[in-house]
N, C-alpha and C. Protein backbone atom coordinates (compact mmCIF):
# COMPACT_ATOMS: atom_id res chain seq x y z
N MET A 1 49.49 11.65 24.58
CA MET A 1 48.08 11.73 24.25
C MET A 1 47.44 10.39 24.53
N VAL A 2 46.32 10.43 25.27
CA VAL A 2 45.58 9.27 25.63
C VAL A 2 44.36 9.20 24.72
N ILE A 3 44.10 8.03 24.12
CA ILE A 3 42.86 7.87 23.32
C ILE A 3 42.01 6.81 23.97
N GLY A 4 40.79 7.21 24.38
CA GLY A 4 39.85 6.24 24.93
C GLY A 4 39.32 5.34 23.88
N LEU A 5 39.21 4.03 24.29
CA LEU A 5 38.72 3.10 23.38
C LEU A 5 37.20 2.90 23.60
N ALA A 6 36.41 3.10 22.60
CA ALA A 6 34.98 2.92 22.70
C ALA A 6 34.74 1.41 22.33
N LYS A 7 33.57 0.97 22.78
CA LYS A 7 33.22 -0.44 22.39
C LYS A 7 32.94 -0.55 20.93
N TYR A 8 33.39 -1.52 20.30
CA TYR A 8 33.21 -1.77 18.90
C TYR A 8 32.59 -3.13 18.62
N ALA A 9 31.92 -3.26 17.49
CA ALA A 9 31.32 -4.54 17.15
C ALA A 9 31.66 -4.75 15.63
N THR A 10 31.56 -5.91 15.21
CA THR A 10 31.85 -6.27 13.81
C THR A 10 30.51 -6.54 13.13
N ILE A 11 30.35 -6.06 11.91
CA ILE A 11 29.09 -6.34 11.17
C ILE A 11 29.61 -7.01 9.88
N SER A 12 29.12 -8.19 9.68
CA SER A 12 29.55 -9.01 8.49
C SER A 12 28.65 -8.68 7.30
N VAL A 13 29.33 -8.22 6.20
CA VAL A 13 28.55 -7.93 5.00
C VAL A 13 29.34 -8.61 3.81
N PRO A 14 28.66 -8.81 2.70
CA PRO A 14 29.36 -9.36 1.54
C PRO A 14 30.45 -8.42 1.13
N VAL A 15 31.52 -8.93 0.58
CA VAL A 15 32.66 -8.17 0.12
C VAL A 15 32.29 -7.09 -0.81
N ASP A 16 31.41 -7.36 -1.79
CA ASP A 16 31.02 -6.36 -2.84
C ASP A 16 30.29 -5.21 -2.15
N VAL A 17 29.46 -5.48 -1.06
CA VAL A 17 28.72 -4.42 -0.40
C VAL A 17 29.76 -3.58 0.30
N LYS A 18 30.69 -4.17 0.97
CA LYS A 18 31.72 -3.43 1.76
C LYS A 18 32.49 -2.54 0.78
N ARG A 19 32.85 -3.05 -0.32
CA ARG A 19 33.58 -2.20 -1.32
C ARG A 19 32.80 -0.95 -1.67
N VAL A 20 31.46 -1.14 -1.93
CA VAL A 20 30.62 0.02 -2.34
C VAL A 20 30.51 0.97 -1.18
N LEU A 21 30.35 0.48 0.06
CA LEU A 21 30.16 1.34 1.21
C LEU A 21 31.49 2.05 1.49
N GLU A 22 32.68 1.38 1.31
CA GLU A 22 33.85 2.03 1.65
C GLU A 22 34.15 3.20 0.64
N GLU A 23 33.72 3.04 -0.58
CA GLU A 23 33.86 4.11 -1.62
C GLU A 23 33.00 5.26 -1.20
N ALA A 24 31.78 5.00 -0.83
CA ALA A 24 30.81 6.06 -0.47
C ALA A 24 31.31 6.81 0.80
N LYS A 25 31.86 6.01 1.78
CA LYS A 25 32.29 6.50 3.13
C LYS A 25 33.41 7.49 2.92
N GLY A 26 34.37 7.25 2.00
CA GLY A 26 35.47 8.14 1.87
C GLY A 26 36.35 8.08 3.13
N ARG A 27 36.77 9.25 3.68
CA ARG A 27 37.67 9.34 4.79
C ARG A 27 36.93 9.34 6.10
N ARG A 28 35.64 9.37 6.05
CA ARG A 28 34.88 9.32 7.35
C ARG A 28 35.02 8.09 8.13
N GLU A 29 34.79 8.20 9.39
CA GLU A 29 34.69 7.01 10.28
C GLU A 29 33.55 6.22 10.00
N TRP A 30 33.64 4.89 10.23
CA TRP A 30 32.46 4.02 9.84
C TRP A 30 31.28 4.38 10.68
N GLY A 31 31.45 4.67 11.97
CA GLY A 31 30.32 4.96 12.84
C GLY A 31 29.58 6.18 12.34
N ASP A 32 30.35 7.26 12.04
CA ASP A 32 29.64 8.51 11.50
C ASP A 32 28.95 8.28 10.16
N PHE A 33 29.67 7.55 9.31
CA PHE A 33 29.06 7.17 7.95
C PHE A 33 27.83 6.46 8.11
N LEU A 34 27.74 5.43 8.90
CA LEU A 34 26.61 4.57 9.08
C LEU A 34 25.47 5.30 9.69
N LEU A 35 25.69 6.10 10.67
CA LEU A 35 24.66 6.95 11.37
C LEU A 35 24.13 7.93 10.27
N ASP A 36 24.95 8.62 9.48
CA ASP A 36 24.42 9.52 8.47
C ASP A 36 23.62 8.75 7.47
N LEU A 37 23.99 7.64 7.09
CA LEU A 37 23.27 6.82 6.13
C LEU A 37 21.93 6.44 6.70
N TYR A 38 21.91 6.06 7.97
CA TYR A 38 20.57 5.68 8.56
C TYR A 38 19.72 6.89 8.73
N SER A 39 20.30 8.05 9.14
CA SER A 39 19.43 9.20 9.30
C SER A 39 18.89 9.69 7.98
N GLU A 40 19.63 9.61 6.93
CA GLU A 40 19.16 10.03 5.61
C GLU A 40 18.01 9.13 5.14
N GLY A 41 18.24 7.87 5.32
CA GLY A 41 17.16 6.83 4.99
C GLY A 41 15.85 7.13 5.70
N LYS A 42 15.99 7.35 6.99
CA LYS A 42 14.83 7.63 7.88
C LYS A 42 14.19 8.95 7.45
N ARG A 43 14.92 10.02 7.10
CA ARG A 43 14.40 11.23 6.71
C ARG A 43 13.61 11.04 5.36
N LEU A 44 14.20 10.34 4.43
CA LEU A 44 13.56 10.11 3.14
C LEU A 44 12.31 9.30 3.20
N ARG A 45 12.27 8.32 4.11
CA ARG A 45 11.07 7.55 4.33
C ARG A 45 9.97 8.40 4.95
N SER A 46 10.27 9.29 5.84
CA SER A 46 9.29 10.12 6.45
C SER A 46 8.77 11.14 5.42
N LYS A 47 9.63 11.63 4.54
CA LYS A 47 9.27 12.63 3.54
C LYS A 47 8.28 11.92 2.51
N ARG A 48 8.62 10.67 2.13
CA ARG A 48 7.83 9.85 1.21
C ARG A 48 6.42 9.63 1.82
N ALA A 49 6.35 9.24 3.12
CA ALA A 49 5.10 8.98 3.72
C ALA A 49 4.21 10.22 3.85
N PHE A 50 4.94 11.36 4.11
CA PHE A 50 4.09 12.66 4.20
C PHE A 50 3.56 12.97 2.79
N GLU A 51 4.41 12.83 1.81
CA GLU A 51 3.94 13.15 0.45
C GLU A 51 2.80 12.24 0.00
N GLU A 52 2.85 10.95 0.36
CA GLU A 52 1.77 9.99 0.00
C GLU A 52 0.45 10.35 0.76
N LEU A 53 0.63 10.80 2.03
CA LEU A 53 -0.53 11.20 2.75
C LEU A 53 -1.12 12.45 2.20
N ALA A 54 -0.25 13.39 1.86
CA ALA A 54 -0.76 14.65 1.28
C ALA A 54 -1.55 14.38 -0.05
N ARG A 55 -1.07 13.53 -0.85
CA ARG A 55 -1.76 13.17 -2.03
C ARG A 55 -3.08 12.51 -1.79
N ALA A 56 -3.24 11.76 -0.74
CA ALA A 56 -4.40 11.02 -0.45
C ALA A 56 -5.52 11.82 0.22
N LEU A 57 -5.11 12.93 0.83
CA LEU A 57 -6.04 13.86 1.50
C LEU A 57 -6.62 14.92 0.61
N THR A 58 -7.91 15.22 0.77
CA THR A 58 -8.56 16.32 -0.08
C THR A 58 -8.22 17.64 0.72
N GLU A 59 -8.64 18.69 0.06
CA GLU A 59 -8.54 20.04 0.68
C GLU A 59 -9.47 20.07 1.92
N LYS A 60 -10.57 19.48 1.84
CA LYS A 60 -11.57 19.41 3.00
C LYS A 60 -10.93 18.72 4.07
N ASP A 61 -10.21 17.58 3.77
CA ASP A 61 -9.61 16.81 4.90
C ASP A 61 -8.49 17.65 5.58
N LEU A 62 -7.71 18.41 4.79
CA LEU A 62 -6.70 19.22 5.33
C LEU A 62 -7.22 20.32 6.14
N ASP A 63 -8.33 20.92 5.69
CA ASP A 63 -9.01 21.98 6.53
C ASP A 63 -9.41 21.43 7.76
N ALA A 64 -10.09 20.26 7.84
CA ALA A 64 -10.53 19.66 9.06
C ALA A 64 -9.45 19.34 10.02
N ILE A 65 -8.20 18.84 9.46
CA ILE A 65 -7.07 18.57 10.35
C ILE A 65 -6.61 19.89 10.94
N ALA A 66 -6.50 20.90 10.06
CA ALA A 66 -6.00 22.18 10.62
C ALA A 66 -6.94 22.75 11.64
N GLU A 67 -8.17 22.63 11.54
CA GLU A 67 -9.18 23.14 12.55
C GLU A 67 -9.10 22.31 13.84
N SER A 68 -8.99 20.97 13.68
CA SER A 68 -8.86 20.15 14.87
C SER A 68 -7.59 20.47 15.67
N SER A 69 -6.45 20.64 14.93
CA SER A 69 -5.21 21.01 15.54
C SER A 69 -5.30 22.37 16.24
N ARG A 70 -5.92 23.32 15.64
CA ARG A 70 -6.12 24.64 16.34
C ARG A 70 -7.00 24.54 17.55
N GLU A 71 -8.01 23.77 17.48
CA GLU A 71 -8.84 23.57 18.72
C GLU A 71 -8.04 22.83 19.85
N PHE A 72 -7.31 21.82 19.44
CA PHE A 72 -6.46 21.17 20.45
C PHE A 72 -5.52 22.10 21.15
N ARG A 73 -4.89 22.91 20.38
CA ARG A 73 -3.86 23.83 20.95
C ARG A 73 -4.56 24.86 21.85
N GLU A 74 -5.73 25.30 21.48
CA GLU A 74 -6.45 26.26 22.30
C GLU A 74 -6.85 25.58 23.66
N ARG A 75 -7.36 24.35 23.59
CA ARG A 75 -7.73 23.60 24.84
C ARG A 75 -6.50 23.31 25.70
N PHE A 76 -5.41 22.96 25.02
CA PHE A 76 -4.20 22.63 25.73
C PHE A 76 -3.63 23.90 26.41
N ALA A 77 -3.66 25.04 25.74
CA ALA A 77 -3.20 26.31 26.30
C ALA A 77 -4.00 26.70 27.50
N LEU A 78 -5.39 26.49 27.38
CA LEU A 78 -6.24 26.88 28.56
C LEU A 78 -6.02 25.96 29.68
N ARG A 79 -5.72 24.71 29.47
CA ARG A 79 -5.47 23.75 30.54
C ARG A 79 -4.13 24.08 31.19
N SER A 80 -3.19 24.38 30.43
CA SER A 80 -1.92 24.74 31.00
C SER A 80 -1.96 26.01 31.83
N ALA A 81 -2.80 26.97 31.31
CA ALA A 81 -2.90 28.24 32.09
C ALA A 81 -3.56 28.04 33.40
N THR A 82 -4.54 27.16 33.49
CA THR A 82 -5.30 26.89 34.72
C THR A 82 -4.44 26.16 35.73
N ASN A 83 -3.46 25.38 35.20
CA ASN A 83 -2.62 24.58 36.12
C ASN A 83 -1.49 25.39 36.83
N ASP A 84 -1.22 26.59 36.31
CA ASP A 84 -0.17 27.38 36.84
C ASP A 84 -0.51 28.04 38.19
């Protein structure tokens, strides 16, 4: 069996941080674990930003955004149809 060697890099972190991360990582590979951690953080930041925006907008604002989006899609669909 031949195992290809990927390029690896070392990331220096304090020992106590590594201990916490190793416990959370379990048996997973470091690359998979860190990518999952990054993806989850990114997803949660996006969700929080969306929720903050939704709280800041009024019902009138949301209706105006929906109408603008509908008009844009209609114009885009017409432009696409004429280009075919």
